[in-house]
Amino acid sequence: MAHPDELDERKLPDEVQDSQPAVGVGELNFDEYTRGGLGRHMGVFSTIFLIVGRMVGTGIFSTPSSVTNSVGSVGAALLLWVLGLALAGAGLCVWLEFGCMMPRSGGEKVYLEAAWGRPKLLITVVFAVQAVALGFTGMGLAQGCIVFASNIWVAAGKEASEWDQRGVAIAVIVVITLLHTLVPKWGVRGMNVIGVYKIILLLFIVITGWVVLSGRASRIPDPHASFHNAFAGSATSSNLYATALFKVLNSFSGWSNAAYVLNEIKNPVRTLKIAAPIGLLLIGTLYLLANVAYYAAATPEEVAQSGVTVASYFMGKVFGESAKRALSVLIAISAFGNVMTVTFAQSRVNQELAKEGVIPFPEFWASNWPFGSPSSGLLLHFIPSFIIIVAIPFGDAYNFILDLEGYPASVINFLVVAGLFYLRWTASDIPRPFKVWWPVAFFFMVGQAFQLVAPFIRPPGGKGDTSLPYWLSSVVGIVVLVLGVIYWAAWQKILPAVGRYKLVPEHKVLSDGTTVVVYNREKLE
């Protein structure tokens, strides 16, 4: 773990005061970590839409129905969306403190190393194992590709087989991976364009809701019916509220997206402090107003029964059946943009892990050759997503695989916020261009603790969202984290003891300027 007397000098951007020490993170210094790649090419606008593009996928167009079905009333559902926004905002403040203190790509990987650096490389290896084994949102990426595919077939008015959908999904992930690899700056421009489109789509839903509430929509006889007794029929089971909150928080996921690519952001501290709050507040506000719009056009019972197509149901109620098919195209475009932003950000996380030397063949996976983009990191992200799309059958098995990443992510988030408090105590003199108010950080910590406990609360009837035991995905997620500990112990302790050697880090500069750590075996006398 980092201590004040172990802090070393790092060359940081001007905003972090070059002469001040920063937290000792990993094996490489700041210059080495930020060397190579595309350089700083993203401004405030691109950073905002990196966050917007990740947050707005398909959740807001489908999740309100399942949330309403769980909690039973409009009032309870809207309060959960407000709570979700508050938790996301609290988490963003924690990430802002870390990101401004250590403006480097990698996100949680960097923050965990700063706080939990002992035993050496343990936390990095645990994070790397779950990142590679679970695809670190590669599963969510696969889901985004399949959502795109299914909506395209709906828009075409055709019944698609499972393999028809898989074929389109594979084409999507291949095209996006090639785009970010071959013409990375055009990939950023594409994310910006689709991000603007997503804002326009949400604004259209919100404005339509206002028109409905004004009484000008002839198809809706009583636009205020859902709000007359907003809390009538509210659920009383804590598990139902926990399940609904998970879905709300999943719709807000993406607020931390800029933290993964800080090496590529101009004036990273200033840009992060501007872009991240704007992105979250903009989307959070639109989410709340979109929910109001849904309830203006339909009763809570109708919203709950609309399944995963609440936005389509909304369009059908207000504009007629022909609007449903048009919306399928719009949702498909949104899903495509979500896949673009996930792929862009997570390939950078993979590259940071490779630079640290904890992934086999680090020189290959860390390379920016030959296009200046993290092509190998993109490949490492592509592989698990492709496997999930091709090999996992739809239904319970697929949903179970998608659920797997949730629990380890909550563990990681809890360790990050706990690490913030630890560093406040052990390294209070580190320059912090942004400092979160501690009750806000504690609120986020409590939220993460709740997410660690809630999956084990027995649901009504003892059945979750699949036919498998409701607790199984969380247990398997814990097993993945434990496997990370076992891998670290074997690599760093057991095998060196048996083979009588020690691991010596070597800093290698690749042909593209990227610096990577390679651990060489040195025989003991």
Protein backbone atom coordinates (compact mmCIF):
# COMPACT_ATOMS: atom_id res chain seq x y z
CA MET A 1 0.00 0.00 0.00
CA ALA A 2 1.20 3.47 -0.77
CA HIS A 3 2.66 5.47 2.12
CA PRO A 4 3.82 9.12 2.21
CA ASP A 5 7.47 8.12 2.57
CA GLU A 6 7.22 5.94 -0.53
CA LEU A 7 5.89 8.62 -2.87
CA ASP A 8 8.19 9.22 -5.80
CA GLU A 9 8.50 12.17 -8.15
CA ARG A 10 6.36 11.92 -11.27
CA LYS A 11 6.16 14.34 -14.12
CA LEU A 12 2.50 15.33 -14.24
CA PRO A 13 0.48 17.84 -16.28
CA ASP A 14 0.65 21.47 -15.17
CA GLU A 15 -2.70 21.18 -13.40
CA VAL A 16 -1.20 18.71 -10.92
CA GLN A 17 1.79 20.92 -10.19
CA ASP A 18 4.88 19.35 -11.74
CA SER A 19 7.04 19.88 -8.66
CA GLN A 20 4.71 17.97 -6.35
CA PRO A 21 4.93 14.24 -5.66
CA ALA A 22 2.17 11.95 -6.87
CA VAL A 23 1.10 8.59 -5.58
CA GLY A 24 3.49 5.80 -6.51
CA VAL A 25 1.43 3.71 -8.93
CA GLY A 26 2.73 0.60 -10.63
CA GLU A 27 6.20 -0.03 -11.96
CA LEU A 28 6.37 2.72 -14.63
CA ASN A 29 6.57 6.44 -13.97
CA PHE A 30 4.09 8.95 -15.35
CA ASP A 31 6.13 9.75 -18.48
CA GLU A 32 6.52 6.08 -19.31
CA TYR A 33 2.82 5.34 -18.87
CA THR A 34 1.73 8.19 -21.11
CA ARG A 35 4.32 7.66 -23.85
CA GLY A 36 3.27 6.42 -27.30
CA GLY A 37 -0.21 6.03 -28.72
CA LEU A 38 -2.35 8.76 -30.28
CA GLY A 39 -1.32 11.52 -27.88
CA ARG A 40 -3.78 14.02 -26.41
CA HIS A 41 -6.41 14.53 -29.09
CA MET A 42 -9.73 14.66 -27.20
CA GLY A 43 -11.21 17.92 -25.91
CA VAL A 44 -14.19 18.72 -23.69
CA PHE A 45 -16.77 17.97 -26.38
CA SER A 46 -15.38 14.53 -27.24
CA THR A 47 -14.99 13.68 -23.55
CA ILE A 48 -18.60 14.59 -22.79
CA PHE A 49 -19.83 12.36 -25.58
CA LEU A 50 -17.50 9.56 -24.58
CA ILE A 51 -19.51 9.50 -21.33
CA VAL A 52 -22.87 10.11 -23.00
CA GLY A 53 -22.23 7.39 -25.57
CA ARG A 54 -21.41 4.84 -22.87
CA MET A 55 -24.33 5.72 -20.59
CA VAL A 56 -27.05 5.81 -23.23
CA GLY A 57 -27.28 2.36 -24.74
CA THR A 58 -30.60 0.57 -24.55
CA GLY A 59 -31.31 0.77 -20.79
CA ILE A 60 -33.48 3.89 -20.74
CA PHE A 61 -35.57 2.48 -23.59
CA SER A 62 -36.32 -0.80 -21.80
CA THR A 63 -35.37 -0.75 -18.09
CA PRO A 64 -38.30 1.46 -16.85
CA SER A 65 -40.72 -1.39 -17.52
CA SER A 66 -38.86 -3.91 -15.34
CA VAL A 67 -38.28 -1.30 -12.62
CA THR A 68 -42.00 -0.49 -12.54
CA ASN A 69 -42.88 -4.19 -12.54
CA SER A 70 -40.60 -4.72 -9.51
CA VAL A 71 -41.62 -1.79 -7.30
CA GLY A 72 -45.26 -1.52 -8.39
CA SER A 73 -45.78 2.25 -8.48
CA VAL A 74 -44.75 5.39 -10.33
CA GLY A 75 -43.60 7.19 -7.19
CA ALA A 76 -41.35 4.37 -6.01
CA ALA A 77 -39.88 3.93 -9.49
CA LEU A 78 -39.07 7.62 -9.90
CA LEU A 79 -37.47 7.73 -6.46
CA LEU A 80 -35.22 4.82 -7.47
CA TRP A 81 -34.13 6.72 -10.59
CA VAL A 82 -33.31 9.74 -8.42
CA LEU A 83 -31.38 7.49 -6.02
CA GLY A 84 -29.52 5.92 -8.95
CA LEU A 85 -28.52 9.37 -10.21
CA ALA A 86 -27.36 10.36 -6.72
CA LEU A 87 -25.22 7.21 -6.38
CA ALA A 88 -23.75 7.72 -9.85
CA GLY A 89 -22.96 11.34 -8.95
CA ALA A 90 -21.29 10.29 -5.71
CA GLY A 91 -19.22 7.70 -7.56
CA LEU A 92 -18.25 10.28 -10.16
CA CYS A 93 -16.95 12.57 -7.41
CA VAL A 94 -14.77 9.74 -6.07
CA TRP A 95 -13.40 9.00 -9.54
CA LEU A 96 -12.81 12.73 -10.12
CA GLU A 97 -10.59 12.94 -7.06
CA PHE A 98 -8.54 9.98 -8.22
CA GLY A 99 -8.52 11.02 -11.88
CA CYS A 100 -7.37 14.56 -11.15
CA MET A 101 -4.75 13.30 -8.70
CA MET A 102 -3.45 10.68 -11.19
CA PRO A 103 -4.47 11.78 -14.71
CA ARG A 104 -3.59 8.52 -16.46
CA SER A 105 -5.51 6.00 -18.51
CA GLY A 106 -6.69 2.85 -16.78
CA GLY A 107 -9.41 3.96 -14.38
CA GLU A 108 -9.89 1.54 -11.49
CA LYS A 109 -6.65 -0.26 -12.28
CA VAL A 110 -4.69 2.89 -11.44
CA TYR A 111 -6.73 3.80 -8.36
CA LEU A 112 -6.51 0.31 -6.87
CA GLU A 113 -2.74 0.26 -7.32
CA ALA A 114 -2.44 3.64 -5.62
CA ALA A 115 -4.21 2.50 -2.47
CA TRP A 116 -3.61 -1.23 -2.33
CA GLY A 117 -0.08 -1.58 -3.69
CA ARG A 118 0.96 -4.28 -1.19
CA PRO A 119 1.57 -7.12 -1.68
CA LYS A 120 3.22 -6.00 -4.91
CA LEU A 121 1.08 -6.59 -8.02
CA LEU A 122 -1.63 -8.51 -6.13
CA ILE A 123 -4.42 -6.04 -6.77
CA THR A 124 -3.23 -5.51 -10.36
CA VAL A 125 -3.30 -9.24 -11.09
CA VAL A 126 -6.74 -9.69 -9.48
CA PHE A 127 -8.10 -6.81 -11.54
CA ALA A 128 -6.44 -8.15 -14.70
CA VAL A 129 -7.83 -11.67 -14.26
CA GLN A 130 -11.40 -10.49 -13.89
CA ALA A 131 -10.91 -7.99 -16.74
CA VAL A 132 -9.69 -10.64 -19.17
CA ALA A 133 -11.79 -13.58 -17.90
CA LEU A 134 -15.04 -11.60 -17.92
CA GLY A 135 -14.15 -9.34 -20.81
CA PHE A 136 -14.65 -6.37 -18.40
CA THR A 137 -17.91 -5.33 -20.04
CA GLY A 138 -17.06 -7.53 -23.03
CA MET A 139 -20.21 -9.33 -21.98
CA GLY A 140 -22.12 -6.07 -22.03
CA LEU A 141 -20.49 -5.37 -25.41
CA ALA A 142 -21.79 -8.67 -26.77
CA GLN A 143 -25.24 -7.79 -25.45
CA GLY A 144 -25.08 -4.41 -27.21
CA CYS A 145 -24.23 -6.11 -30.51
CA ILE A 146 -27.14 -8.53 -30.14
CA VAL A 147 -29.57 -5.72 -29.18
CA PHE A 148 -28.50 -3.90 -32.35
CA ALA A 149 -29.06 -7.05 -34.41
CA SER A 150 -32.48 -7.86 -32.95
CA ASN A 151 -33.76 -4.30 -33.48
CA ILE A 152 -32.54 -4.25 -37.08
CA TRP A 153 -34.51 -7.41 -37.79
CA VAL A 154 -37.60 -5.93 -36.11
CA ALA A 155 -37.26 -2.76 -38.19
CA ALA A 156 -37.03 -4.92 -41.32
CA GLY A 157 -40.26 -6.61 -40.31
CA LYS A 158 -38.76 -10.09 -40.47
CA GLU A 159 -38.56 -12.99 -38.07
CA ALA A 160 -34.87 -13.66 -37.40
CA SER A 161 -33.40 -16.91 -36.19
CA GLU A 162 -30.85 -16.98 -33.40
CA TRP A 163 -28.03 -17.33 -35.93
CA ASP A 164 -29.41 -14.49 -38.07
CA GLN A 165 -29.05 -12.25 -35.03
CA ARG A 166 -25.61 -13.64 -34.24
CA GLY A 167 -24.46 -12.94 -37.79
CA VAL A 168 -25.41 -9.27 -37.62
CA ALA A 169 -23.92 -8.98 -34.10
CA ILE A 170 -20.60 -10.43 -35.32
CA ALA A 171 -20.56 -7.97 -38.22
CA VAL A 172 -21.09 -5.08 -35.78
CA ILE A 173 -18.22 -6.00 -33.48
CA VAL A 174 -15.87 -6.66 -36.41
CA VAL A 175 -16.66 -3.32 -38.07
CA ILE A 176 -16.26 -1.34 -34.85
CA THR A 177 -13.01 -3.06 -33.91
CA LEU A 178 -11.57 -2.38 -37.37
CA LEU A 179 -12.75 1.24 -37.24
CA HIS A 180 -11.02 1.94 -33.93
CA THR A 181 -7.93 0.08 -35.13
CA LEU A 182 -7.45 1.47 -38.64
CA VAL A 183 -8.86 5.01 -38.35
CA PRO A 184 -9.02 5.72 -34.59
CA LYS A 185 -9.71 9.45 -34.89
CA TRP A 186 -12.66 8.76 -37.17
CA GLY A 187 -13.86 6.37 -34.48
CA VAL A 188 -13.91 9.28 -32.03
CA ARG A 189 -15.78 11.45 -34.54
CA GLY A 190 -18.31 8.67 -35.01
CA MET A 191 -18.84 8.43 -31.25
CA ASN A 192 -19.43 12.20 -31.11
CA VAL A 193 -21.99 12.11 -33.91
CA ILE A 194 -23.94 9.22 -32.39
CA GLY A 195 -23.68 10.89 -28.97
CA VAL A 196 -25.39 14.00 -30.34
CA TYR A 197 -28.01 11.78 -31.96
CA LYS A 198 -28.71 10.08 -28.60
CA ILE A 199 -29.30 13.46 -26.94
CA ILE A 200 -31.71 14.41 -29.74
CA LEU A 201 -33.57 11.09 -29.38
CA LEU A 202 -33.97 11.52 -25.63
CA LEU A 203 -35.04 15.15 -26.10
CA PHE A 204 -37.67 14.00 -28.61
CA ILE A 205 -39.11 11.56 -26.05
CA VAL A 206 -39.04 14.21 -23.31
CA ILE A 207 -40.69 16.90 -25.46
CA THR A 208 -43.30 14.40 -26.62
CA GLY A 209 -44.02 13.71 -22.96
CA TRP A 210 -44.55 17.41 -22.32
CA VAL A 211 -47.01 17.56 -25.23
CA VAL A 212 -48.87 14.57 -23.80
CA LEU A 213 -49.01 16.15 -20.33
CA SER A 214 -50.39 19.36 -21.83
CA GLY A 215 -53.39 17.36 -23.07
CA ARG A 216 -52.67 17.94 -26.78
CA ALA A 217 -52.16 14.26 -27.61
CA SER A 218 -55.62 13.04 -28.69
CA ARG A 219 -54.66 9.38 -28.30
CA ILE A 220 -54.08 9.79 -24.52
CA PRO A 221 -57.40 10.52 -22.74
CA ASP A 222 -55.96 11.20 -19.25
CA PRO A 223 -52.19 12.02 -19.31
CA HIS A 224 -52.16 12.59 -15.53
CA ALA A 225 -53.69 9.25 -14.54
CA SER A 226 -50.37 7.74 -13.45
CA PHE A 227 -49.67 10.64 -11.09
CA HIS A 228 -52.99 10.87 -9.21
CA ASN A 229 -51.88 8.45 -6.49
CA ALA A 230 -48.23 7.96 -7.35
CA PHE A 231 -47.33 5.50 -4.57
CA ALA A 232 -50.38 3.24 -4.78
CA GLY A 233 -49.42 -0.41 -5.11
CA SER A 234 -45.80 0.04 -4.01
CA ALA A 235 -43.97 -3.21 -3.31
CA THR A 236 -42.95 -4.14 0.23
CA SER A 237 -40.21 -6.73 -0.50
CA SER A 238 -36.65 -5.43 -0.04
CA ASN A 239 -35.41 -7.85 -2.69
CA LEU A 240 -37.68 -6.29 -5.30
CA TYR A 241 -36.28 -2.83 -4.56
CA ALA A 242 -32.72 -4.18 -4.64
CA THR A 243 -33.33 -5.84 -8.01
CA ALA A 244 -34.87 -2.68 -9.43
CA LEU A 245 -32.02 -0.53 -8.13
CA PHE A 246 -29.47 -2.79 -9.83
CA LYS A 247 -31.26 -2.22 -13.14
CA VAL A 248 -31.36 1.54 -12.61
CA LEU A 249 -27.66 1.66 -11.76
CA ASN A 250 -26.88 -0.43 -14.83
CA SER A 251 -28.63 2.22 -16.94
CA PHE A 252 -26.36 4.87 -15.39
CA SER A 253 -23.17 2.84 -15.89
CA GLY A 254 -20.65 4.70 -18.00
CA TRP A 255 -20.18 7.83 -15.88
CA SER A 256 -16.56 6.71 -15.28
CA ASN A 257 -15.78 6.13 -18.95
CA ALA A 258 -13.43 9.11 -19.38
CA ALA A 259 -11.14 7.81 -16.61
CA TYR A 260 -10.04 4.96 -18.86
CA VAL A 261 -8.60 7.19 -21.60
CA LEU A 262 -7.02 10.14 -19.77
CA ASN A 263 -3.74 9.71 -21.70
CA GLU A 264 -5.64 10.86 -24.78
CA ILE A 265 -7.47 13.85 -23.26
CA LYS A 266 -6.14 17.38 -23.62
CA ASN A 267 -5.58 19.20 -20.30
CA PRO A 268 -6.92 16.07 -18.57
CA VAL A 269 -7.61 17.54 -15.13
CA ARG A 270 -9.47 20.60 -16.39
CA THR A 271 -11.31 18.63 -19.08
CA LEU A 272 -12.35 15.88 -16.67
CA LYS A 273 -13.70 18.35 -14.11
CA ILE A 274 -15.83 19.99 -16.81
CA ALA A 275 -16.89 17.10 -19.04
CA ALA A 276 -17.72 14.38 -16.49
CA PRO A 277 -20.29 16.35 -14.44
CA ILE A 278 -21.89 17.79 -17.59
CA GLY A 279 -22.22 14.33 -19.15
CA LEU A 280 -23.77 12.75 -16.06
CA LEU A 281 -26.12 15.63 -15.19
CA LEU A 282 -27.28 15.95 -18.79
CA ILE A 283 -28.14 12.27 -19.13
CA GLY A 284 -29.46 11.95 -15.57
CA THR A 285 -31.91 14.79 -16.15
CA LEU A 286 -33.04 13.38 -19.48
CA TYR A 287 -33.51 9.93 -17.92
CA LEU A 288 -35.81 11.31 -15.22
CA LEU A 289 -37.85 13.34 -17.72
CA ALA A 290 -38.07 10.37 -20.12
CA ASN A 291 -39.58 8.28 -17.31
CA VAL A 292 -42.15 10.99 -16.68
CA ALA A 293 -42.95 10.95 -20.40
CA TYR A 294 -43.52 7.18 -20.35
CA TYR A 295 -45.90 7.46 -17.40
CA ALA A 296 -47.75 10.34 -19.06
CA ALA A 297 -48.61 8.12 -22.02
CA ALA A 298 -49.28 4.89 -20.11
CA THR A 299 -50.41 3.69 -16.70
CA PRO A 300 -47.90 1.96 -14.43
CA GLU A 301 -49.59 -1.38 -15.22
CA GLU A 302 -49.14 -0.77 -18.95
CA VAL A 303 -45.51 0.28 -18.51
CA ALA A 304 -44.80 -2.80 -16.37
CA GLN A 305 -46.35 -5.13 -18.96
CA SER A 306 -44.59 -3.54 -21.93
CA GLY A 307 -41.53 -5.75 -21.31
CA VAL A 308 -38.25 -4.64 -22.84
CA THR A 309 -39.99 -2.36 -25.33
CA VAL A 310 -41.33 0.43 -23.15
CA ALA A 311 -40.03 3.11 -25.55
CA SER A 312 -41.69 1.33 -28.48
CA TYR A 313 -44.90 1.04 -26.47
CA PHE A 314 -44.69 4.77 -25.73
CA MET A 315 -44.25 5.61 -29.43
CA GLY A 316 -47.15 3.34 -30.37
CA LYS A 317 -49.46 4.92 -27.79
CA VAL A 318 -48.67 8.47 -28.93
CA PHE A 319 -48.07 8.13 -32.69
CA GLY A 320 -49.49 4.76 -33.69
CA GLU A 321 -48.10 1.37 -34.70
CA SER A 322 -45.92 2.63 -37.57
CA ALA A 323 -43.78 4.57 -35.09
CA LYS A 324 -42.75 1.35 -33.31
CA ARG A 325 -40.79 0.08 -36.29
CA ALA A 326 -39.06 3.43 -36.77
CA LEU A 327 -37.99 3.44 -33.13
CA SER A 328 -36.36 0.02 -33.57
CA VAL A 329 -33.91 1.62 -36.01
CA LEU A 330 -33.22 4.48 -33.60
CA ILE A 331 -32.56 2.09 -30.68
CA ALA A 332 -30.28 0.01 -32.91
CA ILE A 333 -28.20 3.11 -33.69
CA SER A 334 -27.99 3.89 -29.97
CA ALA A 335 -26.79 0.34 -29.25
CA PHE A 336 -24.19 0.65 -32.02
CA GLY A 337 -22.85 3.86 -30.46
CA ASN A 338 -22.71 2.18 -27.05
CA VAL A 339 -20.59 -0.64 -28.47
CA MET A 340 -18.29 1.95 -30.04
CA THR A 341 -17.61 3.76 -26.76
CA VAL A 342 -17.20 0.56 -24.71
CA THR A 343 -14.71 -0.81 -27.23
CA PHE A 344 -12.75 2.45 -27.33
CA ALA A 345 -12.41 2.77 -23.56
CA GLN A 346 -11.83 -0.85 -22.58
CA SER A 347 -9.09 -1.42 -25.13
CA ARG A 348 -7.15 1.29 -23.26
CA VAL A 349 -7.65 -0.53 -19.96
CA ASN A 350 -6.32 -3.73 -21.54
CA GLN A 351 -3.29 -1.84 -22.80
CA GLU A 352 -2.55 -0.38 -19.37
CA LEU A 353 -2.64 -3.86 -17.86
CA ALA A 354 -0.26 -5.11 -20.53
CA LYS A 355 2.14 -2.22 -19.87
CA GLU A 356 2.30 -3.39 -16.25
CA GLY A 357 3.56 -6.80 -17.39
CA VAL A 358 0.87 -8.86 -15.65
CA ILE A 359 -0.56 -10.31 -18.88
CA PRO A 360 1.40 -13.00 -20.77
CA PHE A 361 3.21 -11.57 -23.84
CA PRO A 362 2.95 -7.96 -22.60
CA GLU A 363 4.99 -6.51 -25.47
CA PHE A 364 2.38 -7.71 -27.94
CA TRP A 365 -0.71 -6.62 -26.01
CA ALA A 366 0.73 -3.18 -25.10
CA SER A 367 1.78 -2.26 -28.62
CA ASN A 368 0.28 0.61 -30.65
CA TRP A 369 1.79 -0.78 -33.85
CA PRO A 370 1.14 -0.21 -36.73
CA PHE A 371 -1.62 2.44 -36.72
CA GLY A 372 -0.91 4.28 -33.47
CA SER A 373 -4.07 2.77 -31.94
CA PRO A 374 -4.12 0.11 -29.20
CA SER A 375 -4.82 -2.56 -31.82
CA SER A 376 -3.74 -5.43 -29.56
CA GLY A 377 -5.87 -4.09 -26.69
CA LEU A 378 -8.79 -3.95 -29.11
CA LEU A 379 -8.11 -7.56 -30.08
CA LEU A 380 -8.00 -8.62 -26.43
CA HIS A 381 -11.41 -7.00 -25.96
CA PHE A 382 -12.76 -8.49 -29.19
CA ILE A 383 -11.93 -12.10 -28.33
CA PRO A 384 -14.21 -12.69 -25.27
CA SER A 385 -17.03 -10.69 -26.88
CA PHE A 386 -16.82 -12.78 -30.05
CA ILE A 387 -16.78 -16.02 -28.05
CA ILE A 388 -19.88 -15.00 -26.10
CA ILE A 389 -21.79 -14.04 -29.26
CA VAL A 390 -20.88 -17.26 -31.07
CA ALA A 391 -20.68 -19.90 -28.35
CA ILE A 392 -23.24 -19.05 -25.65
CA PRO A 393 -26.84 -20.10 -26.41
CA PHE A 394 -29.55 -17.52 -25.89
CA GLY A 395 -31.74 -17.86 -22.83
CA ASP A 396 -30.74 -18.61 -19.24
CA ALA A 397 -27.10 -19.39 -20.02
CA TYR A 398 -26.66 -16.11 -21.88
CA ASN A 399 -28.34 -14.04 -19.16
CA PHE A 400 -26.25 -15.80 -16.52
CA ILE A 401 -23.02 -14.98 -18.37
CA LEU A 402 -24.07 -11.33 -18.62
CA ASP A 403 -24.80 -11.20 -14.88
CA LEU A 404 -21.33 -12.51 -14.01
CA GLU A 405 -19.49 -9.22 -14.37
CA GLY A 406 -21.81 -7.33 -12.01
CA TYR A 407 -20.61 -8.67 -8.68
CA PRO A 408 -16.83 -8.38 -9.29
CA ALA A 409 -17.44 -4.83 -10.53
CA SER A 410 -19.14 -3.97 -7.23
CA VAL A 411 -16.20 -5.43 -5.30
CA ILE A 412 -13.77 -3.35 -7.35
CA ASN A 413 -15.83 -0.17 -6.81
CA PHE A 414 -15.98 -0.80 -3.07
CA LEU A 415 -12.20 -1.22 -2.92
CA VAL A 416 -11.70 1.99 -4.90
CA VAL A 417 -13.77 4.15 -2.55
CA ALA A 418 -12.22 2.43 0.50
CA GLY A 419 -8.84 3.24 -1.05
CA LEU A 420 -9.79 6.89 -1.25
CA PHE A 421 -10.35 7.02 2.51
CA TYR A 422 -7.12 5.09 3.09
CA LEU A 423 -5.09 7.58 1.03
CA ARG A 424 -6.75 10.53 2.78
CA TRP A 425 -5.30 9.08 5.99
CA THR A 426 -1.87 7.87 4.83
CA ALA A 427 -1.03 10.41 2.11
CA SER A 428 -2.98 13.53 2.98
CA ASP A 429 -0.33 15.87 1.51
CA ILE A 430 -0.76 14.70 -2.10
CA PRO A 431 -2.02 17.53 -4.37
CA ARG A 432 -5.72 16.99 -5.10
CA PRO A 433 -7.07 19.36 -7.80
CA PHE A 434 -10.51 17.99 -6.93
CA LYS A 435 -11.49 16.77 -3.48
CA VAL A 436 -14.79 15.02 -2.84
CA TRP A 437 -16.67 15.87 0.36
CA TRP A 438 -16.23 12.76 2.52
CA PRO A 439 -19.97 12.19 3.27
CA VAL A 440 -20.52 11.94 -0.51
CA ALA A 441 -17.78 9.32 -0.79
CA PHE A 442 -19.22 7.47 2.22
CA PHE A 443 -22.69 7.50 0.61
CA PHE A 444 -21.21 5.83 -2.46
CA MET A 445 -19.38 3.32 -0.25
CA VAL A 446 -22.63 2.37 1.48
CA GLY A 447 -24.27 1.95 -1.93
CA GLN A 448 -21.53 -0.43 -3.04
CA ALA A 449 -21.76 -2.37 0.25
CA PHE A 450 -25.48 -2.77 -0.39
CA GLN A 451 -24.74 -4.18 -3.85
CA LEU A 452 -22.40 -6.73 -2.27
CA VAL A 453 -25.11 -7.98 0.09
CA ALA A 454 -28.28 -7.61 -1.98
CA PRO A 455 -27.64 -10.47 -4.48
CA PHE A 456 -27.79 -12.91 -1.57
CA ILE A 457 -31.17 -11.68 -0.31
CA ARG A 458 -33.71 -14.37 -1.15
CA PRO A 459 -36.19 -13.13 -3.80
CA PRO A 460 -39.92 -13.92 -3.60
CA GLY A 461 -40.31 -17.61 -4.41
CA GLY A 462 -36.54 -18.06 -4.30
CA LYS A 463 -36.24 -17.49 -8.07
CA GLY A 464 -34.12 -14.85 -9.80
CA ASP A 465 -34.19 -13.79 -13.46
CA THR A 466 -33.02 -17.23 -14.67
CA SER A 467 -33.84 -20.84 -13.76
CA LEU A 468 -30.42 -21.09 -12.07
CA PRO A 469 -29.97 -20.34 -8.34
CA TYR A 470 -30.32 -16.58 -7.79
CA TRP A 471 -26.99 -16.39 -5.94
CA LEU A 472 -24.93 -18.42 -8.42
CA SER A 473 -23.66 -15.58 -10.66
CA SER A 474 -22.38 -13.67 -7.61
CA VAL A 475 -20.62 -16.74 -6.23
CA VAL A 476 -18.96 -17.45 -9.58
CA GLY A 477 -17.91 -13.78 -9.71
CA ILE A 478 -16.23 -14.18 -6.32
CA VAL A 479 -14.51 -17.34 -7.59
CA VAL A 480 -13.05 -15.35 -10.50
CA LEU A 481 -11.55 -12.84 -8.05
CA VAL A 482 -10.12 -15.67 -5.94
CA LEU A 483 -8.57 -17.18 -9.07
CA GLY A 484 -6.79 -13.87 -9.51
CA VAL A 485 -5.25 -14.26 -6.06
CA ILE A 486 -4.21 -17.84 -6.87
CA TYR A 487 -2.65 -16.75 -10.18
CA TRP A 488 -0.68 -14.01 -8.41
CA ALA A 489 0.53 -16.42 -5.72
CA ALA A 490 1.68 -18.96 -8.31
CA TRP A 491 3.40 -16.36 -10.54
CA GLN A 492 4.99 -14.23 -7.84
CA LYS A 493 5.62 -16.67 -4.96
CA ILE A 494 5.18 -20.41 -5.55
CA LEU A 495 6.87 -20.90 -8.93
CA PRO A 496 9.87 -18.65 -8.10
CA ALA A 497 10.37 -20.57 -4.83
CA VAL A 498 10.19 -23.94 -6.58
CA GLY A 499 12.36 -22.85 -9.50
CA ARG A 500 14.79 -20.90 -7.30
CA TYR A 501 14.60 -17.66 -9.25
CA LYS A 502 13.35 -14.14 -8.72
CA LEU A 503 11.40 -11.91 -11.09
CA VAL A 504 13.27 -8.77 -12.13
CA PRO A 505 11.33 -6.00 -13.92
CA GLU A 506 12.83 -4.59 -17.13
CA HIS A 507 11.47 -1.43 -18.78
CA LYS A 508 11.33 -1.91 -22.55
CA VAL A 509 10.56 0.82 -25.08
CA LEU A 510 8.73 -0.58 -28.10
CA SER A 511 9.18 0.69 -31.66
CA ASP A 512 6.05 2.84 -31.36
CA GLY A 513 7.36 4.58 -28.23
CA THR A 514 5.24 2.62 -25.75
CA THR A 515 7.03 1.57 -22.57
CA VAL A 516 6.20 -1.85 -21.12
CA VAL A 517 7.41 -3.82 -18.10
CA VAL A 518 8.78 -7.30 -18.81
CA TYR A 519 9.55 -9.57 -15.84
CA ASN A 520 12.71 -11.63 -16.42
CA ARG A 521 13.74 -14.66 -14.38
CA GLU A 522 17.04 -14.29 -12.55
CA LYS A 523 18.47 -17.48 -11.04
CA LEU A 524 19.25 -17.42 -7.34
CA GLU A 525 22.70 -18.59 -6.22
